[in-house]
Amino acid sequence: MVGVSFRRFLVLGGLGLWSAASILSAQAQGFPNRPLTLIVPFAAGGAADTTGRRPWRQDTLASIFSGTKGLTSTCVHLLADRGELDLHAPVARYWPEFGQAGKQDITVAMVLGHRSGVIGPRNRLHWADAADWGAVCAHIAAAEPWWEPGTAQGYHMVTFGFILGELVRRVTGRTVGRYLRTEIAEPLGIDVHIGLPKAEHGRCAEMINKPHIRDVLADGEAPEHPETLKEHPMAGLAVAMGFVPDDELGSNALELWRSLEFPATNAHVTARGMAAFYNALAQEKLLSREHMELVRVCQGGFDTDVVLGARVADHGWGLGYMLNQRGVAGPNLRTFGHGGSGGSFAFVDLEHRIGYAYVMNYFDATKCNADPRSVALSNEVYSALGVIPD
């Protein structure tokens, strides 16, 4: 493999509990006679546990929370690119029960673009109930949308995974986690998981400084049981975060949470595995270029997100991915990928054929896109390629 020599050595502040990798196409960077892939593991720094006794290694697995949505979206797009699923068809075509309560015209694309209005059921579930896939899906299927489908965008924080996961199950007979493993991870030899086998739990980094969702909502005085989104500025967040409380399940039964499949929120990956995943997109090994041009079309422009607020305009939503429409996560405005609460971030740059991933276990609750720790590293990649001048 071809090596890349960086012109500067980065020193990051804080505890330095992180790992990052970038995988590039050698052919795209002027090495036509060399192997196709450049793998640039920046470093693995710090410890993987709270005691500081277990060092972070290249095979350390990190929870990437909403970064999971990039994996799940790609599974859905793989089905669409193969002609097994129509993104513009109603969800109810594949999941008839979903067509209740005014949801009969909601399309797969509306869910991917966070425009369906189905950000949660109408009643808050107990955290233990979040472990029952069938029961959660039944609650979602029975619920009315929280706004008229297609008229606004609002982050489908948890329901994204259940709706799209049930679609994959209905179309293929396999869960998203199994589909990801058999169609993508195992064929490509990459270390990404939705639903982590118990035998792999020992590789997981412990999350540090992660707040409880219940505390985040309480600090904002969000209502526990909102009936409309107009009753409080954080009502949408309370529904999207709290009505299917998988995060609370993780707080109360971490081993169970790691083992179950929450296709919007609980993937476990290595930095190298996640970078390899996005590099497979860069090399068109998973999706066709024509299809990828569709997935990075912004679905809501610079509109305010009714769940997350105005900050979503910094990136915008494609069909299942975060975009980069204001360039806050690098110089190419056409990258797409996904960040996760706390700071993890991964993306593909089709123009420069880059697959990039940053994962961490020191949690910054204010970050889920363009974390300065990640941007500093990805800028080093672009600088080495001459895209960002010194």
Protein backbone atom coordinates (compact mmCIF):
# COMPACT_ATOMS: atom_id res chain seq x y z
CA MET A 1 0.00 0.00 0.00
CA VAL A 2 1.07 3.57 -0.61
CA GLY A 3 1.85 5.73 2.41
CA VAL A 4 1.00 9.37 2.93
CA SER A 5 3.35 11.70 4.76
CA PHE A 6 1.53 14.45 6.66
CA ARG A 7 3.26 17.78 6.88
CA ARG A 8 2.22 18.47 10.48
CA PHE A 9 1.71 16.43 13.63
CA LEU A 10 -1.57 17.12 15.34
CA VAL A 11 -1.76 17.57 19.08
CA LEU A 12 -5.35 17.45 20.30
CA GLY A 13 -6.50 18.86 23.58
CA GLY A 14 -8.56 17.08 26.19
CA LEU A 15 -8.16 13.44 27.07
CA GLY A 16 -7.37 12.40 23.51
CA LEU A 17 -9.61 9.35 23.62
CA TRP A 18 -10.09 8.89 19.93
CA SER A 19 -9.25 7.02 16.78
CA ALA A 20 -9.47 8.10 13.19
CA ALA A 21 -8.69 6.77 9.76
CA SER A 22 -8.98 7.89 6.19
CA ILE A 23 -8.95 5.63 3.18
CA LEU A 24 -8.25 7.14 -0.21
CA SER A 25 -8.10 5.94 -3.78
CA ALA A 26 -4.49 5.82 -4.92
CA GLN A 27 -5.47 6.00 -8.57
CA ALA A 28 -7.35 9.22 -7.95
CA GLN A 29 -4.31 10.80 -6.36
CA GLY A 30 -1.75 10.26 -9.06
CA PHE A 31 -0.51 6.72 -8.38
CA PRO A 32 -1.89 4.86 -11.43
CA ASN A 33 0.44 1.88 -11.10
CA ARG A 34 0.07 1.37 -7.36
CA PRO A 35 -2.54 -0.61 -5.40
CA LEU A 36 -5.92 1.05 -5.44
CA THR A 37 -6.28 1.86 -1.78
CA LEU A 38 -4.37 4.13 0.56
CA ILE A 39 -5.09 3.52 4.22
CA VAL A 40 -4.10 6.35 6.52
CA PRO A 41 -4.68 5.49 10.18
CA PHE A 42 -3.92 8.76 11.95
CA ALA A 43 -3.50 7.35 15.41
CA ALA A 44 -5.24 5.76 18.28
CA GLY A 45 -4.86 7.80 21.41
CA GLY A 46 -5.70 7.55 25.07
CA ALA A 47 -7.57 4.82 26.87
CA ALA A 48 -10.66 2.80 26.08
CA ASP A 49 -11.94 2.77 29.66
CA THR A 50 -12.52 5.17 32.52
CA THR A 51 -9.58 3.87 34.57
CA GLY A 52 -7.00 4.56 31.87
CA ARG A 53 -5.68 1.00 32.11
CA ARG A 54 -6.97 -0.32 28.80
CA PRO A 55 -5.27 1.35 25.82
CA TRP A 56 -7.19 2.25 22.70
CA ARG A 57 -6.21 -0.11 19.90
CA GLN A 58 -6.92 -0.27 16.19
CA ASP A 59 -9.57 -2.92 16.83
CA THR A 60 -11.31 -0.98 19.63
CA LEU A 61 -15.02 -0.65 18.91
CA ALA A 62 -16.78 2.64 19.55
CA SER A 63 -20.47 3.40 19.80
CA ILE A 64 -21.34 5.91 17.07
CA PHE A 65 -24.97 6.58 18.02
CA SER A 66 -26.64 8.37 15.09
CA GLY A 67 -23.69 7.59 12.85
CA THR A 68 -25.57 4.28 12.60
CA LYS A 69 -28.01 5.98 10.22
CA GLY A 70 -25.35 6.10 7.50
CA LEU A 71 -24.99 2.31 7.65
CA THR A 72 -28.74 1.69 7.69
CA SER A 73 -29.38 4.16 4.87
CA THR A 74 -26.81 2.42 2.71
CA CYS A 75 -28.56 -0.92 3.27
CA VAL A 76 -31.82 0.65 2.06
CA HIS A 77 -30.10 2.27 -0.91
CA LEU A 78 -28.44 -1.00 -1.83
CA LEU A 79 -31.88 -2.57 -2.10
CA ALA A 80 -33.12 0.38 -4.15
CA ASP A 81 -30.10 0.35 -6.46
CA ARG A 82 -30.69 -3.35 -7.06
CA GLY A 83 -34.34 -2.74 -7.93
CA GLU A 84 -35.71 -4.55 -4.86
CA LEU A 85 -37.24 -1.45 -3.27
CA ASP A 86 -38.68 1.80 -4.66
CA LEU A 87 -37.70 4.90 -2.69
CA HIS A 88 -40.75 6.79 -3.97
CA ALA A 89 -43.22 4.07 -3.11
CA PRO A 90 -45.33 4.32 0.05
CA VAL A 91 -43.85 2.56 3.06
CA ALA A 92 -47.21 0.77 3.29
CA ARG A 93 -46.48 -1.08 0.04
CA TYR A 94 -43.94 -3.14 1.96
CA TRP A 95 -45.36 -2.77 5.46
CA PRO A 96 -49.18 -2.57 5.11
CA GLU A 97 -49.83 -1.93 8.80
CA PHE A 98 -47.86 1.31 8.56
CA GLY A 99 -50.55 2.82 6.31
CA GLN A 100 -52.87 3.55 9.25
CA ALA A 101 -53.68 6.90 10.81
CA GLY A 102 -52.93 9.17 7.87
CA LYS A 103 -49.61 7.57 6.91
CA GLN A 104 -50.75 5.81 3.75
CA ASP A 105 -48.94 8.24 1.43
CA ILE A 106 -45.65 8.45 3.33
CA THR A 107 -42.87 7.30 1.03
CA VAL A 108 -39.58 5.64 1.84
CA ALA A 109 -37.82 8.82 0.67
CA MET A 110 -39.79 10.92 3.17
CA VAL A 111 -38.50 8.78 6.01
CA LEU A 112 -34.93 8.94 4.70
CA GLY A 113 -35.21 12.73 4.40
CA HIS A 114 -36.74 13.16 7.88
CA ARG A 115 -39.95 14.54 6.39
CA SER A 116 -42.55 11.89 7.21
CA GLY A 117 -43.67 13.38 10.52
CA VAL A 118 -43.32 10.00 12.25
CA ILE A 119 -40.78 11.05 14.88
CA GLY A 120 -42.31 8.87 17.58
CA PRO A 121 -45.41 7.03 18.69
CA ARG A 122 -48.16 9.02 20.39
CA ASN A 123 -47.38 7.66 23.86
CA ARG A 124 -44.07 7.45 25.67
CA LEU A 125 -42.86 3.87 26.09
CA HIS A 126 -41.04 2.49 29.10
CA TRP A 127 -37.33 1.94 28.45
CA ALA A 128 -37.72 -1.84 28.81
CA ASP A 129 -40.32 -1.84 26.03
CA ALA A 130 -37.76 -0.44 23.59
CA ALA A 131 -36.18 -3.91 23.51
CA ASP A 132 -39.28 -5.42 21.86
CA TRP A 133 -38.89 -4.80 18.12
CA GLY A 134 -42.36 -5.99 17.18
CA ALA A 135 -44.08 -3.97 19.89
CA VAL A 136 -42.24 -0.76 19.00
CA CYS A 137 -43.08 -1.23 15.31
CA ALA A 138 -46.73 -1.78 16.23
CA HIS A 139 -46.79 1.48 18.20
CA ILE A 140 -45.21 3.34 15.28
CA ALA A 141 -47.61 1.79 12.77
CA ALA A 142 -50.61 2.86 14.83
CA ALA A 143 -49.46 6.44 15.42
CA GLU A 144 -50.58 9.56 13.57
CA PRO A 145 -47.75 11.70 12.13
CA TRP A 146 -46.74 14.70 14.22
CA TRP A 147 -47.12 17.00 11.19
CA GLU A 148 -48.53 16.66 7.70
CA PRO A 149 -46.11 14.34 5.87
CA GLY A 150 -43.80 16.08 3.43
CA THR A 151 -44.45 19.62 4.67
CA ALA A 152 -41.58 19.97 7.16
CA GLN A 153 -38.37 18.30 8.26
CA GLY A 154 -37.75 16.98 11.74
CA TYR A 155 -35.05 14.56 12.83
CA HIS A 156 -36.37 10.98 13.13
CA MET A 157 -33.88 10.24 15.88
CA VAL A 158 -34.99 6.72 16.83
CA THR A 159 -37.96 5.90 14.56
CA PHE A 160 -35.68 6.21 11.52
CA GLY A 161 -34.13 2.89 12.45
CA PHE A 162 -37.34 1.07 13.27
CA ILE A 163 -39.18 2.18 10.11
CA LEU A 164 -36.31 1.49 7.73
CA GLY A 165 -35.27 -1.61 9.64
CA GLU A 166 -38.76 -3.04 9.34
CA LEU A 167 -38.74 -2.22 5.62
CA VAL A 168 -35.51 -4.16 5.18
CA ARG A 169 -36.94 -7.06 7.15
CA ARG A 170 -40.15 -7.09 5.10
CA VAL A 171 -38.28 -6.95 1.78
CA THR A 172 -35.42 -9.36 2.55
CA GLY A 173 -36.53 -11.46 5.51
CA ARG A 174 -33.38 -10.30 7.32
CA THR A 175 -32.82 -7.73 10.02
CA VAL A 176 -30.75 -4.68 9.12
CA GLY A 177 -27.88 -5.95 11.24
CA ARG A 178 -27.85 -9.28 9.46
CA TYR A 179 -28.23 -7.62 6.04
CA LEU A 180 -25.33 -5.26 6.82
CA ARG A 181 -23.18 -8.19 7.91
CA THR A 182 -23.94 -10.54 5.01
CA GLU A 183 -24.15 -8.03 2.16
CA ILE A 184 -21.53 -5.48 3.16
CA ALA A 185 -19.34 -6.15 6.20
CA GLU A 186 -18.36 -9.77 5.58
CA PRO A 187 -17.82 -9.46 1.79
CA LEU A 188 -15.65 -6.37 2.30
CA GLY A 189 -13.98 -7.61 5.50
CA ILE A 190 -14.87 -4.48 7.49
CA ASP A 191 -15.48 -4.14 11.22
CA VAL A 192 -18.93 -2.50 11.48
CA HIS A 193 -21.89 -3.89 13.42
CA ILE A 194 -25.54 -3.18 14.17
CA GLY A 195 -26.35 -5.62 16.94
CA LEU A 196 -23.00 -6.61 18.45
CA PRO A 197 -22.33 -10.29 19.25
CA LYS A 198 -21.65 -10.76 22.95
CA ALA A 199 -18.24 -12.24 22.18
CA GLU A 200 -17.19 -8.82 20.80
CA HIS A 201 -18.30 -6.73 23.78
CA GLY A 202 -14.84 -6.86 25.31
CA ARG A 203 -13.51 -4.70 22.48
CA CYS A 204 -15.94 -1.85 23.23
CA ALA A 205 -14.68 1.46 24.52
CA GLU A 206 -16.48 2.84 27.54
CA MET A 207 -18.29 6.11 26.95
CA ILE A 208 -17.00 8.94 29.12
CA ASN A 209 -18.90 12.10 29.99
CA LYS A 210 -22.06 10.91 28.23
CA PRO A 211 -25.22 12.54 29.63
CA HIS A 212 -28.50 10.71 30.14
CA ILE A 213 -31.22 11.73 27.69
CA ARG A 214 -33.64 12.21 30.59
CA ASP A 215 -31.27 14.80 32.07
CA VAL A 216 -30.86 16.63 28.75
CA LEU A 217 -34.64 16.92 28.43
CA ALA A 218 -35.10 17.86 32.09
CA ASP A 219 -32.45 20.59 31.85
CA GLY A 220 -34.41 22.13 28.99
CA GLU A 221 -37.69 21.78 30.90
CA ALA A 222 -39.07 19.73 28.04
CA PRO A 223 -42.52 18.26 28.65
CA GLU A 224 -42.51 14.54 29.42
CA HIS A 225 -45.68 13.79 27.47
CA PRO A 226 -46.25 16.48 24.82
CA GLU A 227 -49.40 16.14 22.77
CA THR A 228 -48.39 18.68 20.11
CA LEU A 229 -45.09 20.14 18.97
CA LYS A 230 -46.32 23.66 19.61
CA GLU A 231 -46.57 23.37 23.37
CA HIS A 232 -42.83 23.75 24.03
CA PRO A 233 -39.69 24.53 21.96
CA MET A 234 -38.28 21.12 22.96
CA ALA A 235 -41.48 19.15 22.43
CA GLY A 236 -40.17 17.67 19.18
CA LEU A 237 -36.95 16.62 20.85
CA ALA A 238 -38.90 15.08 23.74
CA VAL A 239 -40.89 12.95 21.30
CA ALA A 240 -37.98 11.99 19.03
CA MET A 241 -35.59 11.25 21.90
CA GLY A 242 -37.84 10.06 24.65
CA PHE A 243 -40.91 8.28 23.30
CA VAL A 244 -38.86 5.22 22.24
CA PRO A 245 -36.18 5.49 24.94
CA ASP A 246 -33.48 3.20 23.63
CA ASP A 247 -30.89 5.43 25.28
CA GLU A 248 -32.49 4.73 28.65
CA LEU A 249 -32.29 1.03 27.87
CA GLY A 250 -28.57 1.52 27.34
CA SER A 251 -28.27 3.27 30.68
CA ASN A 252 -30.08 0.47 32.50
CA ALA A 253 -28.94 -2.61 30.57
CA LEU A 254 -25.82 -1.79 28.55
CA GLU A 255 -25.00 -5.37 27.51
CA LEU A 256 -28.52 -5.88 26.18
CA TRP A 257 -28.43 -2.54 24.34
CA ARG A 258 -25.17 -3.47 22.64
CA SER A 259 -26.56 -6.83 21.53
CA LEU A 260 -29.90 -5.61 20.20
CA GLU A 261 -30.38 -3.82 16.88
CA PHE A 262 -31.29 -0.15 16.99
CA PRO A 263 -30.61 0.78 13.35
CA ALA A 264 -30.64 4.50 14.05
CA THR A 265 -28.52 4.66 17.16
CA ASN A 266 -26.35 1.73 18.31
CA ALA A 267 -23.80 0.67 15.71
CA HIS A 268 -20.35 -0.29 16.96
CA VAL A 269 -17.40 0.25 14.62
CA THR A 270 -13.68 0.67 14.45
CA ALA A 271 -12.39 3.85 12.83
CA ARG A 272 -10.72 1.79 10.12
CA GLY A 273 -13.88 -0.25 9.54
CA MET A 274 -16.04 2.83 9.17
CA ALA A 275 -13.55 4.54 6.85
CA ALA A 276 -13.42 1.37 4.74
CA PHE A 277 -17.23 1.37 4.58
CA TYR A 278 -17.33 4.90 3.16
CA ASN A 279 -14.38 4.20 0.90
CA ALA A 280 -16.38 1.32 -0.59
CA LEU A 281 -18.91 3.96 -1.58
CA ALA A 282 -16.12 6.15 -2.99
CA GLN A 283 -14.98 3.24 -5.17
CA GLU A 284 -18.57 2.46 -6.21
CA LYS A 285 -18.34 -1.04 -4.72
CA LEU A 286 -21.71 -0.72 -2.98
CA LEU A 287 -23.83 1.81 -4.85
CA SER A 288 -23.73 3.10 -8.40
CA ARG A 289 -22.52 6.65 -8.99
CA GLU A 290 -25.90 7.48 -10.50
CA HIS A 291 -27.67 6.40 -7.33
CA MET A 292 -25.24 8.25 -5.08
CA GLU A 293 -25.96 11.46 -6.96
CA LEU A 294 -29.58 11.03 -5.88
CA VAL A 295 -28.83 10.39 -2.21
CA ARG A 296 -26.89 13.64 -1.80
CA VAL A 297 -29.66 15.92 -3.09
CA CYS A 298 -30.76 18.10 -0.18
CA GLN A 299 -34.32 17.33 0.91
CA GLY A 300 -35.09 20.38 3.02
CA GLY A 301 -32.72 23.12 1.96
CA PHE A 302 -31.93 25.50 4.80
CA ASP A 303 -35.27 25.03 6.54
CA THR A 304 -35.35 24.83 10.32
CA ASP A 305 -35.64 21.28 11.63
CA VAL A 306 -38.65 21.04 13.96
CA VAL A 307 -36.76 18.63 16.26
CA LEU A 308 -33.17 19.91 16.23
CA GLY A 309 -33.71 23.53 15.23
CA ALA A 310 -31.87 25.89 12.91
CA ARG A 311 -28.45 24.24 13.26
CA VAL A 312 -29.48 21.47 10.87
CA ALA A 313 -29.11 23.99 8.04
CA ASP A 314 -25.33 23.78 8.55
CA HIS A 315 -25.40 20.35 6.95
CA GLY A 316 -28.90 19.63 5.61
CA TRP A 317 -30.48 16.22 5.07
CA GLY A 318 -29.97 14.08 1.99
CA LEU A 319 -31.73 10.75 1.60
CA GLY A 320 -30.57 9.25 4.87
CA TYR A 321 -27.28 11.12 5.21
CA MET A 322 -25.96 14.38 6.59
CA LEU A 323 -24.71 16.68 3.85
CA ASN A 324 -22.21 19.54 4.04
CA GLN A 325 -24.10 22.37 2.38
CA ARG A 326 -22.36 25.13 4.35
CA GLY A 327 -18.91 23.57 4.27
CA VAL A 328 -18.57 23.28 8.04
CA ALA A 329 -17.21 19.73 7.81
CA GLY A 330 -14.62 20.21 5.08
CA PRO A 331 -14.00 21.98 1.78
CA ASN A 332 -16.17 19.77 -0.45
CA LEU A 333 -19.81 20.84 -0.15
CA ARG A 334 -20.91 17.59 -1.81
CA THR A 335 -19.69 15.07 0.77
CA PHE A 336 -22.25 12.94 2.57
CA GLY A 337 -22.10 10.74 5.65
CA HIS A 338 -23.33 10.98 9.21
CA GLY A 339 -22.28 12.20 12.61
CA GLY A 340 -23.20 10.80 15.98
CA SER A 341 -24.03 12.43 19.27
CA GLY A 342 -20.84 13.09 21.19
CA GLY A 343 -18.59 13.81 18.23
CA SER A 344 -18.08 10.81 15.94
CA PHE A 345 -18.23 11.58 12.21
CA ALA A 346 -17.72 9.74 8.93
CA PHE A 347 -18.21 10.64 5.30
CA VAL A 348 -17.47 9.86 1.68
CA ASP A 349 -16.01 12.38 -0.74
CA LEU A 350 -16.78 11.08 -4.24
CA GLU A 351 -14.85 13.82 -6.00
CA HIS A 352 -11.60 13.05 -4.17
CA ARG A 353 -12.44 9.39 -3.49
CA ILE A 354 -12.02 9.59 0.26
CA GLY A 355 -13.62 7.47 2.95
CA TYR A 356 -13.08 9.09 6.35
CA ALA A 357 -14.06 8.18 9.90
CA TYR A 358 -13.45 9.62 13.35
CA VAL A 359 -14.67 7.84 16.47
CA MET A 360 -14.18 8.63 20.14
CA ASN A 361 -15.39 7.80 23.61
CA TYR A 362 -14.92 11.17 25.30
CA PHE A 363 -18.38 12.57 24.79
CA ASP A 364 -19.06 16.20 23.88
CA ALA A 365 -22.84 16.52 24.14
CA THR A 366 -22.83 19.70 22.04
CA LYS A 367 -21.43 17.92 18.97
CA CYS A 368 -23.01 15.65 16.38
CA ASN A 369 -21.65 17.30 13.23
CA ALA A 370 -18.36 19.03 12.47
CA ASP A 371 -16.75 18.34 15.84
CA PRO A 372 -13.53 20.39 15.85
CA ARG A 373 -11.57 17.26 16.80
CA SER A 374 -12.75 15.54 13.64
CA VAL A 375 -12.53 18.57 11.35
CA ALA A 376 -8.89 19.12 12.33
CA LEU A 377 -8.09 15.57 11.28
CA SER A 378 -10.07 15.52 8.04
CA ASN A 379 -8.49 18.86 7.10
CA GLU A 380 -5.11 17.17 7.38
CA VAL A 381 -6.21 14.69 4.72
CA TYR A 382 -7.32 17.45 2.40
CA SER A 383 -4.17 19.44 3.07
CA ALA A 384 -1.99 16.45 2.21
CA LEU A 385 -3.86 16.17 -1.08
CA GLY A 386 -3.43 19.88 -1.80
CA VAL A 387 -7.14 20.61 -1.54
CA ILE A 388 -6.63 22.89 1.47
CA PRO A 389 -3.49 25.04 1.19
CA ASP A 390 -1.10 25.27 4.14
